[in-house]
Amino acid sequence: MIEICPVKSRQDRKDFVRFPFDLYKNNKFWAPPLMRDELRALDPSVNPAFDESEATLLLAKKNGQIVGRIAGIINHFENDQMGRLHARFGWIDFIDDQKVSSALLHAIEDWARQKGMKYLKGPEGFTNLDRAGMLTWGFDKPSTFITIYNYPYYPEHIEALGYETEVNWVEYEIPVPQQIPEQLDRMAKLIQKRYNLESVRLRKKKELLEYREAFADLLVDSYKHLHDFVPFTDRQIAWYVEQFIDVLEPDLICLLKDAKQYPIAFGISMPSLTKAAQKAKGKLFPFGFFHFLKALKGHNERVDLLLIGIRPEWRNKGLNALIFKEMLERFIARGMRWAESNPELEDNHNVQNLWKKYNPQLIKKRKIFIKKL
């Protein structure tokens, strides 16, 4: 018999966070998150997402042993903005037992109905910047540090419970050329001169913090047309800056300004942290810190593409060539050989067109599932 247990105590929350470390301990493709970050993200007294959201955490037990977990989330701010009644499920993990996955999701469905919700979708976190999307193809590829990895049986269980596809995401691996292609260099220089654009070179994290509001504004303006994108509150922006500042390298961030010094486009990437995360095993101290530091500062052949955005009024003017050229210069200078895109909408051709000439290889697919309650 499967027992569904609400997370109530601090120890329960630790067990909730710890479960996937046991489930994936022998899996060479899973990049574990930092347990400290997971605990903070799920703590209402710490994560500002709880200003606008509510959540319930559940553990599934069989014969007294934890065999699954799930979070149910209602982002009231998002629902108000979108004019709908959607709940989310996230942090979902379970053994290969349909009774376990069924018990977990049915429990969240019941919770969502009691809250007046009409649909349940996931996996998603609290906001658009949390980990999201269930892996449906590419299970033999290492996960990036900021994405979800799951076993192949996960989507099979979800579909068996009546969930359908809401949106598909894809991920690519792109070889980094050894030098800037002549055609790209020529085009980038032409665009920069035509519009009198400035490429800002960030050198220190202090400079990155100084542009915090500019990046936040750019992010919202660039992504507001995409599926389910909702602006962030000031407290949420501060939270995500705090979460990512330690793993962002200023020299791998591109920022473009127009002739009036107004930020109009950006590209954010970071050295791959997959191997560091696997070696750290969820703990930053005492030794995990050194693995992450080596990945960030030492020789690293892989780079993760996190976000690229261009203000709507500047699209279709060739800025993508300038952004890609600026980012390639940084990758080449660091000796990076492979770039990996993180999840992007399957039909987000504006981003995909950035590297379509450089032999990108589709390596992963993932999706958000949805079910009418």
Protein backbone atom coordinates (compact mmCIF):
# COMPACT_ATOMS: atom_id res chain seq x y z
CA MET A 1 0.00 0.00 0.00
CA ILE A 2 1.23 3.48 -0.90
CA GLU A 3 1.03 6.08 1.86
CA ILE A 4 1.01 9.78 0.93
CA CYS A 5 2.53 11.91 3.69
CA PRO A 6 2.47 15.74 3.78
CA VAL A 7 5.81 17.40 4.50
CA LYS A 8 5.40 19.11 7.85
CA SER A 9 8.71 19.24 9.68
CA ARG A 10 12.19 20.40 8.82
CA GLN A 11 13.30 16.77 8.73
CA ASP A 12 10.48 15.98 6.30
CA ARG A 13 11.75 18.73 4.02
CA LYS A 14 15.27 17.33 4.19
CA ASP A 15 13.92 13.88 3.30
CA PHE A 16 12.02 15.46 0.40
CA VAL A 17 15.19 17.07 -0.95
CA ARG A 18 17.32 13.99 -0.29
CA PHE A 19 15.14 11.44 -2.10
CA PRO A 20 16.46 11.96 -5.68
CA PHE A 21 20.03 11.61 -4.38
CA ASP A 22 19.15 8.03 -3.48
CA LEU A 23 17.09 7.44 -6.64
CA TYR A 24 19.87 8.62 -8.98
CA LYS A 25 22.97 7.73 -6.99
CA ASN A 26 24.20 5.31 -9.69
CA ASN A 27 23.12 7.42 -12.66
CA LYS A 28 25.97 9.07 -14.56
CA PHE A 29 23.73 11.54 -16.40
CA TRP A 30 22.07 13.27 -13.43
CA ALA A 31 23.60 16.58 -12.29
CA PRO A 32 22.45 16.95 -8.67
CA PRO A 33 21.37 20.37 -7.39
CA LEU A 34 22.84 21.80 -4.23
CA MET A 35 20.75 20.58 -1.30
CA ARG A 36 21.17 23.95 0.39
CA ASP A 37 19.58 25.72 -2.58
CA GLU A 38 16.73 23.20 -2.75
CA LEU A 39 15.92 23.64 0.93
CA ARG A 40 15.90 27.40 0.57
CA ALA A 41 13.69 27.30 -2.53
CA LEU A 42 11.08 25.25 -0.66
CA ASP A 43 11.14 27.37 2.50
CA PRO A 44 8.27 29.92 2.65
CA SER A 45 10.30 32.08 5.03
CA VAL A 46 13.13 32.41 2.51
CA ASN A 47 11.87 32.16 -1.09
CA PRO A 48 9.99 35.33 -2.14
CA ALA A 49 7.97 33.27 -4.63
CA PHE A 50 5.77 32.43 -1.66
CA ASP A 51 4.70 36.10 -1.59
CA GLU A 52 2.62 35.28 -4.67
CA SER A 53 2.30 31.51 -4.44
CA GLU A 54 1.31 28.66 -2.18
CA ALA A 55 2.61 25.09 -2.22
CA THR A 56 2.22 21.68 -0.70
CA LEU A 57 4.96 19.03 -0.52
CA LEU A 58 4.15 15.33 -0.41
CA LEU A 59 6.17 12.16 0.11
CA ALA A 60 5.08 8.71 -1.01
CA LYS A 61 6.04 5.83 1.26
CA LYS A 62 5.88 2.08 0.78
CA ASN A 63 6.56 -0.19 3.74
CA GLY A 64 7.92 2.85 5.56
CA GLN A 65 10.44 3.70 2.82
CA ILE A 66 10.26 6.87 0.70
CA VAL A 67 9.52 5.90 -2.90
CA GLY A 68 8.42 9.22 -4.40
CA ARG A 69 7.89 12.95 -3.91
CA ILE A 70 5.96 15.81 -5.50
CA ALA A 71 5.25 19.50 -4.97
CA GLY A 72 1.93 21.15 -5.78
CA ILE A 73 2.16 24.88 -6.56
CA ILE A 74 -0.35 27.62 -7.25
CA ASN A 75 1.14 30.85 -8.54
CA HIS A 76 -1.71 33.27 -7.84
CA PHE A 77 0.07 36.20 -9.47
CA GLU A 78 0.50 34.23 -12.71
CA ASN A 79 -3.13 33.09 -12.66
CA ASP A 80 -4.32 36.67 -12.14
CA GLN A 81 -2.13 37.92 -14.99
CA MET A 82 -3.23 35.12 -17.34
CA GLY A 83 -6.87 35.06 -16.26
CA ARG A 84 -6.94 31.33 -15.54
CA LEU A 85 -6.98 28.74 -12.77
CA HIS A 86 -3.88 26.59 -13.21
CA ALA A 87 -1.94 24.64 -10.59
CA ARG A 88 1.55 23.28 -11.15
CA PHE A 89 3.33 20.12 -10.10
CA GLY A 90 7.08 20.08 -9.67
CA TRP A 91 9.92 18.40 -7.81
CA ILE A 92 8.43 15.11 -8.99
CA ASP A 93 10.43 11.90 -8.61
CA PHE A 94 9.33 8.32 -8.13
CA ILE A 95 10.41 4.71 -8.48
CA ASP A 96 9.21 2.73 -11.50
CA ASP A 97 5.88 1.82 -9.97
CA GLN A 98 2.69 3.15 -11.53
CA LYS A 99 0.93 2.93 -8.18
CA VAL A 100 3.42 5.41 -6.72
CA SER A 101 3.24 7.99 -9.53
CA SER A 102 -0.56 7.64 -9.61
CA ALA A 103 -0.89 8.19 -5.85
CA LEU A 104 1.35 11.27 -5.96
CA LEU A 105 -0.37 12.97 -8.87
CA HIS A 106 -3.88 12.10 -7.75
CA ALA A 107 -3.10 13.64 -4.37
CA ILE A 108 -1.96 16.89 -6.01
CA GLU A 109 -4.96 16.84 -8.36
CA ASP A 110 -7.29 16.57 -5.35
CA TRP A 111 -5.44 19.40 -3.60
CA ALA A 112 -5.68 21.60 -6.72
CA ARG A 113 -9.41 20.92 -7.10
CA GLN A 114 -10.01 21.86 -3.48
CA LYS A 115 -8.26 25.14 -4.22
CA GLY A 116 -10.61 25.80 -7.14
CA MET A 117 -8.08 25.07 -9.89
CA LYS A 118 -9.24 23.78 -13.27
CA TYR A 119 -5.95 22.46 -14.70
CA LEU A 120 -2.76 20.88 -13.41
CA LYS A 121 0.46 21.13 -15.40
CA GLY A 122 4.14 20.45 -14.97
CA PRO A 123 6.79 19.76 -14.12
CA GLU A 124 7.45 23.41 -13.30
CA GLY A 125 8.75 25.40 -10.38
CA PHE A 126 7.34 28.60 -8.90
CA THR A 127 8.33 30.92 -11.78
CA ASN A 128 9.71 30.90 -15.32
CA LEU A 129 13.29 30.83 -14.04
CA ASP A 130 12.94 27.63 -12.02
CA ARG A 131 13.78 24.18 -13.38
CA ALA A 132 11.01 22.91 -15.64
CA GLY A 133 10.20 20.41 -18.36
CA MET A 134 10.24 16.62 -18.18
CA LEU A 135 12.90 14.93 -20.27
CA THR A 136 11.29 12.80 -23.01
CA TRP A 137 14.30 12.08 -25.24
CA GLY A 138 18.06 12.23 -24.73
CA PHE A 139 18.24 10.23 -21.53
CA ASP A 140 21.81 9.18 -22.38
CA LYS A 141 23.10 12.77 -22.28
CA PRO A 142 24.35 14.46 -19.10
CA SER A 143 21.98 17.01 -17.65
CA THR A 144 23.06 20.61 -17.27
CA PHE A 145 23.16 22.05 -13.76
CA ILE A 146 19.98 24.08 -14.21
CA THR A 147 17.78 21.48 -15.91
CA ILE A 148 15.73 18.49 -14.81
CA TYR A 149 16.92 14.96 -15.46
CA ASN A 150 14.56 12.01 -15.17
CA TYR A 151 14.39 8.35 -16.04
CA PRO A 152 12.69 7.24 -19.32
CA TYR A 153 9.75 5.77 -17.45
CA TYR A 154 8.65 9.15 -16.06
CA PRO A 155 6.79 10.45 -19.16
CA GLU A 156 5.26 7.01 -19.70
CA HIS A 157 3.72 7.15 -16.23
CA ILE A 158 2.51 10.73 -16.73
CA GLU A 159 0.82 9.98 -20.06
CA ALA A 160 -0.82 6.86 -18.59
CA LEU A 161 -2.55 9.17 -16.09
CA GLY A 162 -4.24 11.18 -18.82
CA TYR A 163 -1.80 14.08 -19.13
CA GLU A 164 -1.30 15.67 -22.53
CA THR A 165 1.40 17.86 -24.04
CA GLU A 166 1.08 21.57 -23.34
CA VAL A 167 4.40 22.66 -24.81
CA ASN A 168 7.57 21.07 -26.21
CA TRP A 169 11.14 22.19 -25.55
CA VAL A 170 14.38 21.24 -27.27
CA GLU A 171 18.08 21.45 -26.45
CA TYR A 172 21.05 21.57 -28.81
CA GLU A 173 24.78 20.99 -28.71
CA ILE A 174 26.75 23.42 -30.87
CA PRO A 175 30.44 23.05 -31.76
CA VAL A 176 32.43 26.22 -31.02
CA PRO A 177 34.58 27.22 -34.03
CA GLN A 178 38.27 27.79 -33.43
CA GLN A 179 38.00 31.31 -34.84
CA ILE A 180 35.25 33.77 -35.64
CA PRO A 181 33.80 32.90 -39.08
CA GLU A 182 34.62 35.65 -41.57
CA GLN A 183 31.02 36.12 -42.70
CA LEU A 184 29.80 36.44 -39.09
CA ASP A 185 32.57 38.88 -38.22
CA ARG A 186 31.78 41.05 -41.24
CA MET A 187 28.05 41.06 -40.53
CA ALA A 188 28.53 41.84 -36.83
CA LYS A 189 30.80 44.81 -37.56
CA LEU A 190 28.36 46.13 -40.16
CA ILE A 191 25.43 45.95 -37.72
CA GLN A 192 27.43 47.54 -34.90
CA LYS A 193 28.51 50.44 -37.12
CA ARG A 194 25.11 50.93 -38.76
CA TYR A 195 23.28 51.36 -35.47
CA ASN A 196 26.17 52.78 -33.44
CA LEU A 197 25.93 49.99 -30.86
CA GLU A 198 28.19 49.42 -27.89
CA SER A 199 29.13 46.00 -26.57
CA VAL A 200 29.64 46.22 -22.81
CA ARG A 201 32.47 44.08 -21.45
CA LEU A 202 31.82 43.12 -17.86
CA ARG A 203 34.95 42.29 -15.87
CA LYS A 204 33.79 41.93 -12.26
CA LYS A 205 30.72 40.62 -10.46
CA LYS A 206 30.28 44.10 -9.01
CA GLU A 207 29.62 45.38 -12.52
CA LEU A 208 27.11 42.60 -13.06
CA LEU A 209 25.23 43.67 -9.95
CA GLU A 210 25.21 47.25 -11.19
CA TYR A 211 23.33 46.10 -14.31
CA ARG A 212 20.88 43.96 -12.35
CA GLU A 213 17.85 46.14 -13.08
CA ALA A 214 18.82 46.53 -16.73
CA PHE A 215 19.01 42.76 -17.20
CA ALA A 216 15.68 42.26 -15.42
CA ASP A 217 13.98 44.83 -17.63
CA LEU A 218 15.56 43.33 -20.74
CA LEU A 219 14.47 39.85 -19.73
CA VAL A 220 10.83 40.85 -19.34
CA ASP A 221 10.74 42.89 -22.54
CA SER A 222 12.45 40.17 -24.58
CA TYR A 223 10.46 37.21 -23.27
CA LYS A 224 7.01 38.68 -22.62
CA HIS A 225 5.68 37.27 -25.89
CA LEU A 226 6.69 33.69 -25.06
CA HIS A 227 4.52 30.95 -23.64
CA ASP A 228 3.41 31.57 -20.04
CA PHE A 229 5.94 34.33 -19.35
CA VAL A 230 4.98 36.55 -16.40
CA PRO A 231 7.05 39.49 -15.02
CA PHE A 232 8.93 39.10 -11.74
CA THR A 233 8.57 41.10 -8.57
CA ASP A 234 11.55 43.07 -7.26
CA ARG A 235 12.02 40.56 -4.44
CA GLN A 236 12.05 37.68 -6.92
CA ILE A 237 14.64 39.44 -9.08
CA ALA A 238 16.86 39.95 -6.04
CA TRP A 239 16.39 36.29 -5.11
CA TYR A 240 17.45 34.97 -8.52
CA VAL A 241 20.43 37.30 -8.65
CA GLU A 242 21.51 35.94 -5.26
CA GLN A 243 20.95 32.36 -6.50
CA PHE A 244 23.00 32.75 -9.69
CA ILE A 245 25.60 35.41 -8.94
CA ASP A 246 28.14 32.90 -7.64
CA VAL A 247 28.05 30.77 -10.80
CA LEU A 248 27.97 33.56 -13.38
CA GLU A 249 31.23 34.67 -14.96
CA PRO A 250 31.05 38.35 -16.04
CA ASP A 251 33.23 37.76 -19.11
CA LEU A 252 30.69 35.23 -20.43
CA ILE A 253 27.88 37.79 -20.41
CA CYS A 254 27.16 40.01 -23.41
CA LEU A 255 25.23 43.28 -23.12
CA LEU A 256 24.47 45.60 -26.04
CA LYS A 257 23.54 49.28 -25.77
CA ASP A 258 22.17 51.61 -28.40
CA ALA A 259 23.52 55.05 -29.31
CA LYS A 260 21.70 56.53 -26.29
CA GLN A 261 23.32 54.01 -23.91
CA TYR A 262 20.04 52.13 -23.49
CA PRO A 263 20.40 48.34 -23.01
CA ILE A 264 18.75 46.58 -25.95
CA ALA A 265 20.03 42.99 -26.02
CA PHE A 266 21.90 40.46 -23.93
CA GLY A 267 23.39 36.97 -23.90
CA ILE A 268 24.16 35.06 -20.70
CA SER A 269 26.20 31.85 -20.54
CA MET A 270 28.25 30.02 -17.95
CA PRO A 271 30.85 27.23 -17.86
CA SER A 272 29.28 23.80 -17.61
CA LEU A 273 28.83 22.78 -13.97
CA THR A 274 27.62 19.23 -14.65
CA LYS A 275 30.81 17.43 -13.62
CA ALA A 276 31.32 19.74 -10.66
CA ALA A 277 27.78 19.05 -9.44
CA GLN A 278 28.27 15.31 -9.78
CA LYS A 279 31.48 15.43 -7.76
CA ALA A 280 30.01 17.74 -5.12
CA LYS A 281 27.04 15.37 -4.59
CA GLY A 282 24.76 18.16 -3.47
CA LYS A 283 27.10 19.70 -0.92
CA LEU A 284 29.07 22.91 -1.35
CA PHE A 285 31.23 22.28 1.71
CA PRO A 286 33.73 21.08 2.63
CA PHE A 287 34.94 20.05 -0.85
CA GLY A 288 32.13 20.81 -3.30
CA PHE A 289 33.18 24.45 -3.43
CA PHE A 290 36.51 23.51 -5.00
CA HIS A 291 34.88 21.44 -7.73
CA PHE A 292 32.63 24.36 -8.68
CA LEU A 293 35.51 26.83 -8.54
CA LYS A 294 37.59 24.64 -10.85
CA ALA A 295 34.70 24.39 -13.31
CA LEU A 296 34.18 28.16 -13.29
CA LYS A 297 37.78 29.37 -13.33
CA GLY A 298 39.78 26.46 -14.74
CA HIS A 299 39.90 24.91 -18.20
CA ASN A 300 36.38 23.88 -19.18
CA GLU A 301 35.58 22.76 -22.71
CA ARG A 302 31.83 23.10 -22.30
CA VAL A 303 29.67 26.18 -21.87
CA ASP A 304 25.94 26.39 -21.15
CA LEU A 305 23.87 28.98 -23.01
CA LEU A 306 21.38 30.30 -20.48
CA LEU A 307 19.47 33.27 -21.87
CA ILE A 308 19.52 35.39 -25.01
CA GLY A 309 17.15 38.29 -25.45
CA ILE A 310 16.54 41.20 -27.83
CA ARG A 311 14.00 43.97 -27.34
CA PRO A 312 11.05 43.59 -29.75
CA GLU A 313 11.77 46.81 -31.63
CA TRP A 314 15.33 45.64 -32.34
CA ARG A 315 14.48 42.21 -33.73
CA ASN A 316 15.07 41.42 -37.39
CA LYS A 317 17.88 43.98 -37.55
CA GLY A 318 20.80 41.56 -37.38
CA LEU A 319 21.61 41.94 -33.69
CA ASN A 320 21.69 38.18 -33.33
CA ALA A 321 24.89 38.15 -35.41
CA LEU A 322 26.55 40.67 -33.09
CA ILE A 323 25.47 38.80 -29.96
CA PHE A 324 26.69 35.47 -31.28
CA LYS A 325 30.00 36.95 -32.40
CA GLU A 326 30.57 38.57 -29.01
CA MET A 327 29.78 35.31 -27.20
CA LEU A 328 31.97 33.24 -29.53
CA GLU A 329 34.92 35.56 -28.83
CA ARG A 330 34.57 34.82 -25.13
CA PHE A 331 34.23 31.07 -25.68
CA ILE A 332 37.26 30.91 -27.97
CA ALA A 333 39.35 32.95 -25.53
CA ARG A 334 38.57 30.38 -22.81
CA GLY A 335 39.30 27.37 -25.00
CA MET A 336 35.70 26.17 -24.96
CA ARG A 337 34.79 23.66 -27.65
CA TRP A 338 31.13 22.83 -27.08
CA ALA A 339 28.13 25.00 -26.25
CA GLU A 340 24.87 23.53 -25.00
CA SER A 341 21.60 25.34 -25.20
CA ASN A 342 19.31 24.96 -22.26
CA PRO A 343 15.57 24.34 -22.82
CA GLU A 344 14.05 26.54 -25.49
CA LEU A 345 10.59 26.39 -27.01
CA GLU A 346 10.49 24.11 -30.01
CA ASP A 347 9.16 26.97 -32.18
CA ASN A 348 11.49 29.68 -30.82
CA HIS A 349 13.17 30.18 -34.18
CA ASN A 350 14.59 33.58 -33.22
CA VAL A 351 17.03 31.86 -30.87
CA GLN A 352 17.63 28.78 -33.01
CA ASN A 353 18.55 30.95 -35.98
CA LEU A 354 21.53 32.23 -33.99
CA TRP A 355 23.48 29.03 -34.51
CA LYS A 356 21.75 27.18 -37.34
CA LYS A 357 24.84 27.59 -39.57
CA TYR A 358 27.16 25.92 -37.08
CA ASN A 359 25.95 22.32 -37.29
CA PRO A 360 23.88 22.18 -34.09
CA GLN A 361 22.88 18.70 -32.95
CA LEU A 362 19.53 18.08 -31.29
CA ILE A 363 20.41 16.21 -28.09
CA LYS A 364 17.37 16.45 -25.81
CA LYS A 365 13.63 16.97 -25.86
CA ARG A 366 11.38 17.77 -22.96
CA LYS A 367 7.82 18.89 -22.38
CA ILE A 368 5.30 20.35 -19.99
CA PHE A 369 2.26 18.14 -19.44
CA ILE A 370 -1.23 19.39 -18.63
CA LYS A 371 -4.51 17.80 -17.50
CA LYS A 372 -7.98 19.17 -17.06
CA LEU A 373 -9.22 18.55 -13.54
